[in-house]
Amino acid sequence: MNTSVLPAPESSRRGRLACVGLGMTLGSHLTPLARSHIEQADVVFAGLSDGVVELWLERMHPDVRSLQPYYAKGKSRMKTYREWVELMMAEVRAGKRVCGVFYGHPGIFAWSPHKAIEMARAEGYEAHMEPGISAEDCLYADLGIDPGRYGCQHFEASQLLFYERRIDPAGYLVLWQVGVVGDLSLKRFSTGPEYRQALVDVLSADYPLDHEVIVYRGATLPIQKPNIRRVALRDLPIIELTVEETVVLPPAAPLKQNLAMRERLVALDGETSLA
């Protein structure tokens, strides 16, 4: 009598989801754990904008499905991102091991991975996010910035226009997606100089117009070098700027000592030494 256990039918297998990051530089940043999730998946969804990267991914897995065709001119990006979630979840519900692959870190400026994982867990499926080397990580290395020295604030640039946010000019300010700043529709992939001028007007409350800002884009291929430009804040509206570029404002004011708190800490140190 054969007592071997037969594999469960495809329809009864329990689906699961992993969203992983490729890192920023092709091939160089992929972690062993991320590679393992890709190779062991039944289906791989690629949220990548570069056909070369997709071809490279196809060498690791026979069933790679691009998510890029769901973008369309005049179509809200949020609608596209919801479609991505539904595509991944449909395969999870069908009992598949699904892997979503995204640039950099899958949880940074990426709505769909967070939502898909949240939905999968709410429906009782196993779901995991595997971090990757992000654009922020590359920025610190390429620009020689230690965020622990003066502090570092990060904002999606439009938040400075849509909301009242408090900026600390004594630290670094990193602004993401300046190329689409002020887009309320989520249908455009760039906005014009007038929108960047509105951003400069907001920033001018804390920075002089001649303050040097850094326009940065990390390398995505091993043969590339990071693109780094330095311009005056006032010139930000008139330069060419893509959505992939990040704007960094170095500190414009010295750190101001909190003398009252320092005296309090000295007193505490004295009490501790007497204890």
C-alpha atoms as a PDB file:
ATOM      1  CA  MET A   1       0.000   0.000   0.000  1.00  0.00           C
ATOM      2  CA  ASN A   2       1.415   3.371  -1.007  1.00  0.00           C
ATOM      3  CA  THR A   3       1.277   5.719   1.987  1.00  0.00           C
ATOM      4  CA  SER A   4       3.105   8.635   0.386  1.00  0.00           C
ATOM      5  CA  VAL A   5       1.409  11.986   0.794  1.00  0.00           C
ATOM      6  CA  LEU A   6       0.273  13.577  -2.428  1.00  0.00           C
ATOM      7  CA  PRO A   7       0.773  17.349  -2.855  1.00  0.00           C
ATOM      8  CA  ALA A   8      -2.285  19.446  -2.154  1.00  0.00           C
ATOM      9  CA  PRO A   9      -4.325  20.459  -5.205  1.00  0.00           C
ATOM     10  CA  GLU A  10      -3.475  23.920  -6.556  1.00  0.00           C
ATOM     11  CA  SER A  11      -6.900  25.247  -5.514  1.00  0.00           C
ATOM     12  CA  SER A  12      -6.401  24.222  -1.875  1.00  0.00           C
ATOM     13  CA  ARG A  13      -2.907  25.633  -1.454  1.00  0.00           C
ATOM     14  CA  ARG A  14      -2.687  28.605   0.867  1.00  0.00           C
ATOM     15  CA  GLY A  15      -1.468  31.670  -0.966  1.00  0.00           C
ATOM     16  CA  ARG A  16       1.113  34.034   0.437  1.00  0.00           C
ATOM     17  CA  LEU A  17       2.638  37.360  -0.512  1.00  0.00           C
ATOM     18  CA  ALA A  18       6.115  38.854  -0.331  1.00  0.00           C
ATOM     19  CA  CYS A  19       6.954  42.381  -1.471  1.00  0.00           C
ATOM     20  CA  VAL A  20      10.697  42.821  -1.932  1.00  0.00           C
ATOM     21  CA  GLY A  21      13.088  45.585  -2.872  1.00  0.00           C
ATOM     22  CA  LEU A  22      15.654  45.277  -5.668  1.00  0.00           C
ATOM     23  CA  GLY A  23      17.715  48.119  -4.280  1.00  0.00           C
ATOM     24  CA  MET A  24      18.666  51.008  -6.538  1.00  0.00           C
ATOM     25  CA  THR A  25      21.609  49.701  -8.573  1.00  0.00           C
ATOM     26  CA  LEU A  26      20.770  46.755 -10.813  1.00  0.00           C
ATOM     27  CA  GLY A  27      22.149  43.476  -9.478  1.00  0.00           C
ATOM     28  CA  SER A  28      24.431  45.081  -6.904  1.00  0.00           C
ATOM     29  CA  HIS A  29      21.849  45.698  -4.189  1.00  0.00           C
ATOM     30  CA  LEU A  30      19.698  42.575  -4.310  1.00  0.00           C
ATOM     31  CA  THR A  31      19.860  40.750  -0.973  1.00  0.00           C
ATOM     32  CA  PRO A  32      19.942  36.953  -0.697  1.00  0.00           C
ATOM     33  CA  LEU A  33      16.555  36.975   1.054  1.00  0.00           C
ATOM     34  CA  ALA A  34      14.944  39.083  -1.669  1.00  0.00           C
ATOM     35  CA  ARG A  35      16.389  36.794  -4.341  1.00  0.00           C
ATOM     36  CA  SER A  36      15.033  33.767  -2.483  1.00  0.00           C
ATOM     37  CA  HIS A  37      11.501  35.231  -2.412  1.00  0.00           C
ATOM     38  CA  ILE A  38      11.691  35.904  -6.152  1.00  0.00           C
ATOM     39  CA  GLU A  39      13.008  32.459  -7.068  1.00  0.00           C
ATOM     40  CA  GLN A  40      10.562  30.549  -4.864  1.00  0.00           C
ATOM     41  CA  ALA A  41       7.453  32.442  -6.002  1.00  0.00           C
ATOM     42  CA  ASP A  42       4.860  30.974  -8.380  1.00  0.00           C
ATOM     43  CA  VAL A  43       4.338  34.363  -9.998  1.00  0.00           C
ATOM     44  CA  VAL A  44       6.337  37.592  -9.860  1.00  0.00           C
ATOM     45  CA  PHE A  45       4.830  41.061 -10.405  1.00  0.00           C
ATOM     46  CA  ALA A  46       7.321  43.749 -11.412  1.00  0.00           C
ATOM     47  CA  GLY A  47       6.617  47.335 -10.413  1.00  0.00           C
ATOM     48  CA  LEU A  48       9.618  48.580 -12.399  1.00  0.00           C
ATOM     49  CA  SER A  49       9.906  51.341 -14.990  1.00  0.00           C
ATOM     50  CA  ASP A  50      12.974  50.028 -16.818  1.00  0.00           C
ATOM     51  CA  GLY A  51      12.682  47.296 -19.431  1.00  0.00           C
ATOM     52  CA  VAL A  52      16.318  46.316 -18.920  1.00  0.00           C
ATOM     53  CA  VAL A  53      15.640  45.617 -15.254  1.00  0.00           C
ATOM     54  CA  GLU A  54      12.585  43.538 -16.154  1.00  0.00           C
ATOM     55  CA  LEU A  55      14.658  41.460 -18.581  1.00  0.00           C
ATOM     56  CA  TRP A  56      17.242  40.895 -15.856  1.00  0.00           C
ATOM     57  CA  LEU A  57      14.456  39.813 -13.498  1.00  0.00           C
ATOM     58  CA  GLU A  58      13.149  37.339 -16.076  1.00  0.00           C
ATOM     59  CA  ARG A  59      16.466  35.500 -15.858  1.00  0.00           C
ATOM     60  CA  MET A  60      15.564  34.629 -12.265  1.00  0.00           C
ATOM     61  CA  HIS A  61      11.954  33.600 -12.821  1.00  0.00           C
ATOM     62  CA  PRO A  62       9.932  32.284 -15.782  1.00  0.00           C
ATOM     63  CA  ASP A  63       6.683  34.107 -14.903  1.00  0.00           C
ATOM     64  CA  VAL A  64       7.372  37.826 -14.496  1.00  0.00           C
ATOM     65  CA  ARG A  65       4.379  40.100 -15.115  1.00  0.00           C
ATOM     66  CA  SER A  66       5.023  43.795 -15.659  1.00  0.00           C
ATOM     67  CA  LEU A  67       2.816  46.290 -13.838  1.00  0.00           C
ATOM     68  CA  GLN A  68       3.869  49.205 -16.048  1.00  0.00           C
ATOM     69  CA  PRO A  69       1.096  48.782 -18.686  1.00  0.00           C
ATOM     70  CA  TYR A  70      -1.470  49.831 -16.070  1.00  0.00           C
ATOM     71  CA  TYR A  71      -0.178  53.408 -16.190  1.00  0.00           C
ATOM     72  CA  ALA A  72      -1.939  55.597 -18.748  1.00  0.00           C
ATOM     73  CA  LYS A  73      -1.949  59.246 -19.698  1.00  0.00           C
ATOM     74  CA  GLY A  74      -4.739  61.065 -17.879  1.00  0.00           C
ATOM     75  CA  LYS A  75      -5.341  58.126 -15.523  1.00  0.00           C
ATOM     76  CA  SER A  76      -4.980  58.640 -11.781  1.00  0.00           C
ATOM     77  CA  ARG A  77      -1.897  56.918 -10.399  1.00  0.00           C
ATOM     78  CA  MET A  78      -3.972  55.882  -7.396  1.00  0.00           C
ATOM     79  CA  LYS A  79      -6.294  53.921  -9.694  1.00  0.00           C
ATOM     80  CA  THR A  80      -3.252  52.220 -11.175  1.00  0.00           C
ATOM     81  CA  TYR A  81      -1.881  51.362  -7.737  1.00  0.00           C
ATOM     82  CA  ARG A  82      -5.212  49.865  -6.667  1.00  0.00           C
ATOM     83  CA  GLU A  83      -5.191  47.721  -9.793  1.00  0.00           C
ATOM     84  CA  TRP A  84      -1.703  46.495  -8.856  1.00  0.00           C
ATOM     85  CA  VAL A  85      -2.995  45.431  -5.458  1.00  0.00           C
ATOM     86  CA  GLU A  86      -5.919  43.559  -6.961  1.00  0.00           C
ATOM     87  CA  LEU A  87      -3.687  41.774  -9.460  1.00  0.00           C
ATOM     88  CA  MET A  88      -1.393  40.503  -6.706  1.00  0.00           C
ATOM     89  CA  MET A  89      -4.240  39.598  -4.375  1.00  0.00           C
ATOM     90  CA  ALA A  90      -6.104  37.651  -7.076  1.00  0.00           C
ATOM     91  CA  GLU A  91      -3.133  35.297  -7.352  1.00  0.00           C
ATOM     92  CA  VAL A  92      -2.739  35.062  -3.570  1.00  0.00           C
ATOM     93  CA  ARG A  93      -6.410  34.109  -3.249  1.00  0.00           C
ATOM     94  CA  ALA A  94      -5.854  31.472  -5.940  1.00  0.00           C
ATOM     95  CA  GLY A  95      -3.302  29.788  -3.673  1.00  0.00           C
ATOM     96  CA  LYS A  96      -0.168  31.141  -5.342  1.00  0.00           C
ATOM     97  CA  ARG A  97       3.088  32.227  -3.776  1.00  0.00           C
ATOM     98  CA  VAL A  98       3.244  35.787  -5.042  1.00  0.00           C
ATOM     99  CA  CYS A  99       6.230  38.124  -5.066  1.00  0.00           C
ATOM    100  CA  GLY A 100       5.931  41.825  -5.844  1.00  0.00           C
ATOM    101  CA  VAL A 101       9.250  43.380  -6.858  1.00  0.00           C
ATOM    102  CA  PHE A 102       9.854  47.119  -6.545  1.00  0.00           C
ATOM    103  CA  TYR A 103      12.754  49.532  -6.877  1.00  0.00           C
ATOM    104  CA  GLY A 104      14.779  50.381  -3.805  1.00  0.00           C
ATOM    105  CA  HIS A 105      12.867  49.658  -0.624  1.00  0.00           C
ATOM    106  CA  PRO A 106       9.315  48.369  -1.284  1.00  0.00           C
ATOM    107  CA  GLY A 107       7.910  50.362   1.622  1.00  0.00           C
ATOM    108  CA  ILE A 108       9.306  53.795   0.710  1.00  0.00           C
ATOM    109  CA  PHE A 109       7.185  55.956  -1.627  1.00  0.00           C
ATOM    110  CA  ALA A 110       5.304  52.838  -2.636  1.00  0.00           C
ATOM    111  CA  TRP A 111       1.610  52.668  -1.730  1.00  0.00           C
ATOM    112  CA  SER A 112       0.758  49.335  -3.343  1.00  0.00           C
ATOM    113  CA  PRO A 113       3.103  47.040  -1.355  1.00  0.00           C
ATOM    114  CA  HIS A 114       1.845  48.395   1.978  1.00  0.00           C
ATOM    115  CA  LYS A 115      -1.792  48.074   0.893  1.00  0.00           C
ATOM    116  CA  ALA A 116      -1.370  44.585  -0.561  1.00  0.00           C
ATOM    117  CA  ILE A 117       0.332  43.321   2.596  1.00  0.00           C
ATOM    118  CA  GLU A 118      -2.334  44.942   4.775  1.00  0.00           C
ATOM    119  CA  MET A 119      -5.103  43.341   2.693  1.00  0.00           C
ATOM    120  CA  ALA A 120      -3.441  39.926   2.599  1.00  0.00           C
ATOM    121  CA  ARG A 121      -2.999  39.837   6.366  1.00  0.00           C
ATOM    122  CA  ALA A 122      -6.576  41.022   6.933  1.00  0.00           C
ATOM    123  CA  GLU A 123      -7.772  38.075   4.821  1.00  0.00           C
ATOM    124  CA  GLY A 124      -5.640  35.629   6.785  1.00  0.00           C
ATOM    125  CA  TYR A 125      -2.760  35.140   4.349  1.00  0.00           C
ATOM    126  CA  GLU A 126       0.913  35.217   5.213  1.00  0.00           C
ATOM    127  CA  ALA A 127       2.486  38.442   3.960  1.00  0.00           C
ATOM    128  CA  HIS A 128       6.005  39.800   4.302  1.00  0.00           C
ATOM    129  CA  MET A 129       7.965  42.889   3.267  1.00  0.00           C
ATOM    130  CA  GLU A 130      11.663  42.422   2.580  1.00  0.00           C
ATOM    131  CA  PRO A 131      13.594  45.715   2.716  1.00  0.00           C
ATOM    132  CA  GLY A 132      16.013  46.883   0.072  1.00  0.00           C
ATOM    133  CA  ILE A 133      18.639  49.582  -0.306  1.00  0.00           C
ATOM    134  CA  SER A 134      16.652  52.747  -0.896  1.00  0.00           C
ATOM    135  CA  ALA A 135      17.319  56.015  -2.722  1.00  0.00           C
ATOM    136  CA  GLU A 136      17.707  57.567   0.722  1.00  0.00           C
ATOM    137  CA  ASP A 137      20.501  55.137   1.604  1.00  0.00           C
ATOM    138  CA  CYS A 138      22.315  55.944  -1.640  1.00  0.00           C
ATOM    139  CA  LEU A 139      21.809  59.671  -1.094  1.00  0.00           C
ATOM    140  CA  TYR A 140      23.571  59.600   2.277  1.00  0.00           C
ATOM    141  CA  ALA A 141      26.519  57.714   0.782  1.00  0.00           C
ATOM    142  CA  ASP A 142      26.847  59.707  -2.449  1.00  0.00           C
ATOM    143  CA  LEU A 143      26.478  63.150  -0.823  1.00  0.00           C
ATOM    144  CA  GLY A 144      28.485  62.332   2.309  1.00  0.00           C
ATOM    145  CA  ILE A 145      25.621  63.170   4.665  1.00  0.00           C
ATOM    146  CA  ASP A 146      25.384  61.803   8.198  1.00  0.00           C
ATOM    147  CA  PRO A 147      21.753  62.393   9.260  1.00  0.00           C
ATOM    148  CA  GLY A 148      22.788  62.059  12.881  1.00  0.00           C
ATOM    149  CA  ARG A 149      25.030  65.135  12.802  1.00  0.00           C
ATOM    150  CA  TYR A 150      22.499  67.902  12.267  1.00  0.00           C
ATOM    151  CA  GLY A 151      19.293  65.931  11.868  1.00  0.00           C
ATOM    152  CA  CYS A 152      17.398  65.319   8.654  1.00  0.00           C
ATOM    153  CA  GLN A 153      13.801  65.976   7.636  1.00  0.00           C
ATOM    154  CA  HIS A 154      12.164  64.201   4.707  1.00  0.00           C
ATOM    155  CA  PHE A 155       9.016  65.394   2.948  1.00  0.00           C
ATOM    156  CA  GLU A 156       7.193  64.520  -0.220  1.00  0.00           C
ATOM    157  CA  ALA A 157       7.502  67.975  -1.767  1.00  0.00           C
ATOM    158  CA  SER A 158       3.778  68.513  -2.297  1.00  0.00           C
ATOM    159  CA  GLN A 159       3.148  68.155   1.435  1.00  0.00           C
ATOM    160  CA  LEU A 160       4.843  71.524   1.919  1.00  0.00           C
ATOM    161  CA  LEU A 161       2.204  73.061  -0.365  1.00  0.00           C
ATOM    162  CA  PHE A 162      -0.847  71.087   0.746  1.00  0.00           C
ATOM    163  CA  TYR A 163      -0.244  71.298   4.497  1.00  0.00           C
ATOM    164  CA  GLU A 164       1.340  73.567   7.072  1.00  0.00           C
ATOM    165  CA  ARG A 165       4.576  71.794   7.981  1.00  0.00           C
ATOM    166  CA  ARG A 166       7.299  73.015  10.316  1.00  0.00           C
ATOM    167  CA  ILE A 167      10.775  73.139   8.755  1.00  0.00           C
ATOM    168  CA  ASP A 168      13.986  73.173  10.806  1.00  0.00           C
ATOM    169  CA  PRO A 169      16.653  74.962   8.706  1.00  0.00           C
ATOM    170  CA  ALA A 170      19.381  73.899  11.161  1.00  0.00           C
ATOM    171  CA  GLY A 171      19.180  70.364   9.753  1.00  0.00           C
ATOM    172  CA  TYR A 172      19.124  68.828   6.303  1.00  0.00           C
ATOM    173  CA  LEU A 173      15.867  69.004   4.349  1.00  0.00           C
ATOM    174  CA  VAL A 174      15.252  66.278   1.748  1.00  0.00           C
ATOM    175  CA  LEU A 175      12.402  66.817  -0.717  1.00  0.00           C
ATOM    176  CA  TRP A 176      11.121  63.926  -2.791  1.00  0.00           C
ATOM    177  CA  GLN A 177       9.235  64.046  -6.099  1.00  0.00           C
ATOM    178  CA  VAL A 178       9.802  67.760  -6.671  1.00  0.00           C
ATOM    179  CA  GLY A 179       9.231  67.136 -10.383  1.00  0.00           C
ATOM    180  CA  VAL A 180       5.505  66.618  -9.716  1.00  0.00           C
ATOM    181  CA  VAL A 181       5.172  69.079  -6.834  1.00  0.00           C
ATOM    182  CA  GLY A 182       1.687  70.504  -6.442  1.00  0.00           C
ATOM    183  CA  ASP A 183      -0.113  67.862  -8.534  1.00  0.00           C
ATOM    184  CA  LEU A 184      -3.537  67.447  -6.958  1.00  0.00           C
ATOM    185  CA  SER A 185      -4.870  65.203  -9.719  1.00  0.00           C
ATOM    186  CA  LEU A 186      -2.347  62.328  -9.406  1.00  0.00           C
ATOM    187  CA  LYS A 187      -2.667  62.111 -13.211  1.00  0.00           C
ATOM    188  CA  ARG A 188       0.464  64.003 -14.260  1.00  0.00           C
ATOM    189  CA  PHE A 189       4.063  62.841 -14.375  1.00  0.00           C
ATOM    190  CA  SER A 190       5.500  66.347 -14.212  1.00  0.00           C
ATOM    191  CA  THR A 191       4.456  69.866 -13.249  1.00  0.00           C
ATOM    192  CA  GLY A 192       5.817  73.119 -14.586  1.00  0.00           C
ATOM    193  CA  PRO A 193       8.036  75.962 -13.325  1.00  0.00           C
ATOM    194  CA  GLU A 194       5.074  77.764 -11.761  1.00  0.00           C
ATOM    195  CA  TYR A 195       4.541  74.868  -9.367  1.00  0.00           C
ATOM    196  CA  ARG A 196       8.197  74.791  -8.366  1.00  0.00           C
ATOM    197  CA  GLN A 197       8.064  78.552  -7.866  1.00  0.00           C
ATOM    198  CA  ALA A 198       5.260  77.986  -5.356  1.00  0.00           C
ATOM    199  CA  LEU A 199       7.561  75.554  -3.541  1.00  0.00           C
ATOM    200  CA  VAL A 200      10.408  78.093  -3.557  1.00  0.00           C
ATOM    201  CA  ASP A 201       8.047  80.707  -2.127  1.00  0.00           C
ATOM    202  CA  VAL A 202       7.285  78.384   0.788  1.00  0.00           C
ATOM    203  CA  LEU A 203      10.947  77.525   1.345  1.00  0.00           C
ATOM    204  CA  SER A 204      12.025  81.180   1.202  1.00  0.00           C
ATOM    205  CA  ALA A 205      10.435  81.696   4.622  1.00  0.00           C
ATOM    206  CA  ASP A 206      13.277  79.608   6.096  1.00  0.00           C
ATOM    207  CA  TYR A 207      16.075  79.798   3.508  1.00  0.00           C
ATOM    208  CA  PRO A 208      17.721  82.684   1.619  1.00  0.00           C
ATOM    209  CA  LEU A 209      17.131  82.562  -2.130  1.00  0.00           C
ATOM    210  CA  ASP A 210      20.859  82.226  -2.792  1.00  0.00           C
ATOM    211  CA  HIS A 211      21.081  79.142  -0.546  1.00  0.00           C
ATOM    212  CA  GLU A 212      22.736  76.287  -2.427  1.00  0.00           C
ATOM    213  CA  VAL A 213      20.532  73.253  -2.962  1.00  0.00           C
ATOM    214  CA  ILE A 214      21.570  69.861  -4.297  1.00  0.00           C
ATOM    215  CA  VAL A 215      19.643  68.071  -7.048  1.00  0.00           C
ATOM    216  CA  TYR A 216      20.406  64.359  -6.773  1.00  0.00           C
ATOM    217  CA  ARG A 217      19.672  61.175  -8.674  1.00  0.00           C
ATOM    218  CA  GLY A 218      21.286  57.889  -7.707  1.00  0.00           C
ATOM    219  CA  ALA A 219      22.779  55.404 -10.151  1.00  0.00           C
ATOM    220  CA  THR A 220      20.505  52.574 -11.281  1.00  0.00           C
ATOM    221  CA  LEU A 221      23.048  50.690 -13.424  1.00  0.00           C
ATOM    222  CA  PRO A 222      26.540  49.558 -12.319  1.00  0.00           C
ATOM    223  CA  ILE A 223      28.137  51.520 -15.190  1.00  0.00           C
ATOM    224  CA  GLN A 224      26.488  54.778 -14.094  1.00  0.00           C
ATOM    225  CA  LYS A 225      27.533  57.401 -11.596  1.00  0.00           C
ATOM    226  CA  PRO A 226      25.120  59.432  -9.447  1.00  0.00           C
ATOM    227  CA  ASN A 227      23.922  62.677 -10.989  1.00  0.00           C
ATOM    228  CA  ILE A 228      24.606  65.597  -8.642  1.00  0.00           C
ATOM    229  CA  ARG A 229      23.871  69.248  -9.459  1.00  0.00           C
ATOM    230  CA  ARG A 230      24.181  72.295  -7.218  1.00  0.00           C
ATOM    231  CA  VAL A 231      22.023  75.355  -7.861  1.00  0.00           C
ATOM    232  CA  ALA A 232      20.717  78.369  -5.966  1.00  0.00           C
ATOM    233  CA  LEU A 233      17.281  77.952  -4.430  1.00  0.00           C
ATOM    234  CA  ARG A 234      15.909  80.765  -6.610  1.00  0.00           C
ATOM    235  CA  ASP A 235      16.854  78.802  -9.742  1.00  0.00           C
ATOM    236  CA  LEU A 236      14.918  75.661  -8.856  1.00  0.00           C
ATOM    237  CA  PRO A 237      11.912  76.641 -11.048  1.00  0.00           C
ATOM    238  CA  ILE A 238      13.990  77.253 -14.188  1.00  0.00           C
ATOM    239  CA  ILE A 239      16.103  74.096 -14.341  1.00  0.00           C
ATOM    240  CA  GLU A 240      15.076  70.787 -15.903  1.00  0.00           C
ATOM    241  CA  LEU A 241      13.890  68.435 -13.164  1.00  0.00           C
ATOM    242  CA  THR A 242      12.554  64.871 -13.388  1.00  0.00           C
ATOM    243  CA  VAL A 243      10.343  63.048 -10.925  1.00  0.00           C
ATOM    244  CA  GLU A 244      13.222  60.681 -10.117  1.00  0.00           C
ATOM    245  CA  GLU A 245      15.435  63.523  -8.850  1.00  0.00           C
ATOM    246  CA  THR A 246      15.563  64.503  -5.193  1.00  0.00           C
ATOM    247  CA  VAL A 247      16.281  67.985  -3.845  1.00  0.00           C
ATOM    248  CA  VAL A 248      18.429  68.392  -0.729  1.00  0.00           C
ATOM    249  CA  LEU A 249      18.748  71.632   1.214  1.00  0.00           C
ATOM    250  CA  PRO A 250      21.809  71.656   3.492  1.00  0.00           C
ATOM    251  CA  PRO A 251      21.523  73.423   6.857  1.00  0.00           C
ATOM    252  CA  ALA A 252      21.050  77.188   6.581  1.00  0.00           C
ATOM    253  CA  ALA A 253      21.330  78.065  10.278  1.00  0.00           C
ATOM    254  CA  PRO A 254      23.526  76.906  13.188  1.00  0.00           C
ATOM    255  CA  LEU A 255      22.186  74.664  15.903  1.00  0.00           C
ATOM    256  CA  LYS A 256      20.941  76.811  18.776  1.00  0.00           C
ATOM    257  CA  GLN A 257      21.838  75.640  22.260  1.00  0.00           C
ATOM    258  CA  ASN A 258      19.079  75.087  24.778  1.00  0.00           C
ATOM    259  CA  LEU A 259      20.862  76.661  27.739  1.00  0.00           C
ATOM    260  CA  ALA A 260      18.062  76.042  30.232  1.00  0.00           C
ATOM    261  CA  MET A 261      18.018  72.334  29.436  1.00  0.00           C
ATOM    262  CA  ARG A 262      21.804  72.104  29.583  1.00  0.00           C
ATOM    263  CA  GLU A 263      21.748  73.598  33.089  1.00  0.00           C
ATOM    264  CA  ARG A 264      19.075  71.101  34.090  1.00  0.00           C
ATOM    265  CA  LEU A 265      21.162  68.196  32.789  1.00  0.00           C
ATOM    266  CA  VAL A 266      24.257  69.463  34.606  1.00  0.00           C
ATOM    267  CA  ALA A 267      22.224  69.571  37.806  1.00  0.00           C
ATOM    268  CA  LEU A 268      20.993  66.023  37.197  1.00  0.00           C
ATOM    269  CA  ASP A 269      24.554  64.844  36.632  1.00  0.00           C
ATOM    270  CA  GLY A 270      25.533  66.432  39.948  1.00  0.00           C
ATOM    271  CA  GLU A 271      22.720  64.669  41.773  1.00  0.00           C
ATOM    272  CA  THR A 272      23.715  61.359  40.196  1.00  0.00           C
ATOM    273  CA  SER A 273      27.347  61.715  41.293  1.00  0.00           C
ATOM    274  CA  LEU A 274      26.239  62.325  44.892  1.00  0.00           C
ATOM    275  CA  ALA A 275      23.916  59.307  44.977  1.00  0.00           C
END
